[in-house]
Amino acid sequence: MSSVKISLNQGLFAKVFYGIDLRHRVWYIYYMQTQKITAHIPVELLKSAQEVTHKGVTETLREALALLARSKGYEKFLSGYGKVKLSIDLEALRKD
């Protein structure tokens, strides 16, 4: 049985050849803390989400949670829309 050794500098090769970016995987393993959970999720909901992401259960849930967290950030950003007064001379900008 042969083993394949890939240095982190060969990330592009690994991404193209193996379909993964090893640098990201190594970073994720060492720097991200994870928590194992048990969740009761409707089967059809999970299947439809996996059809969209074309990924496994863990990656699909990770993407869904990240999207949910970003949406809260967008809500906070949009709640301030129109409340900031800018002193920009549009005519001066159009002349440039």
Foldseek 3Di string as FASTA:
>chain_A
DDDDDDDLVCQVVCCVPVVHRVVVVVCCVPPPDDDDDDDDDDPVVQVVLCVVVVDDNVVSVVVVVVVVVVVVVVVVVVVCPPVDDDDDDVVVVVVD
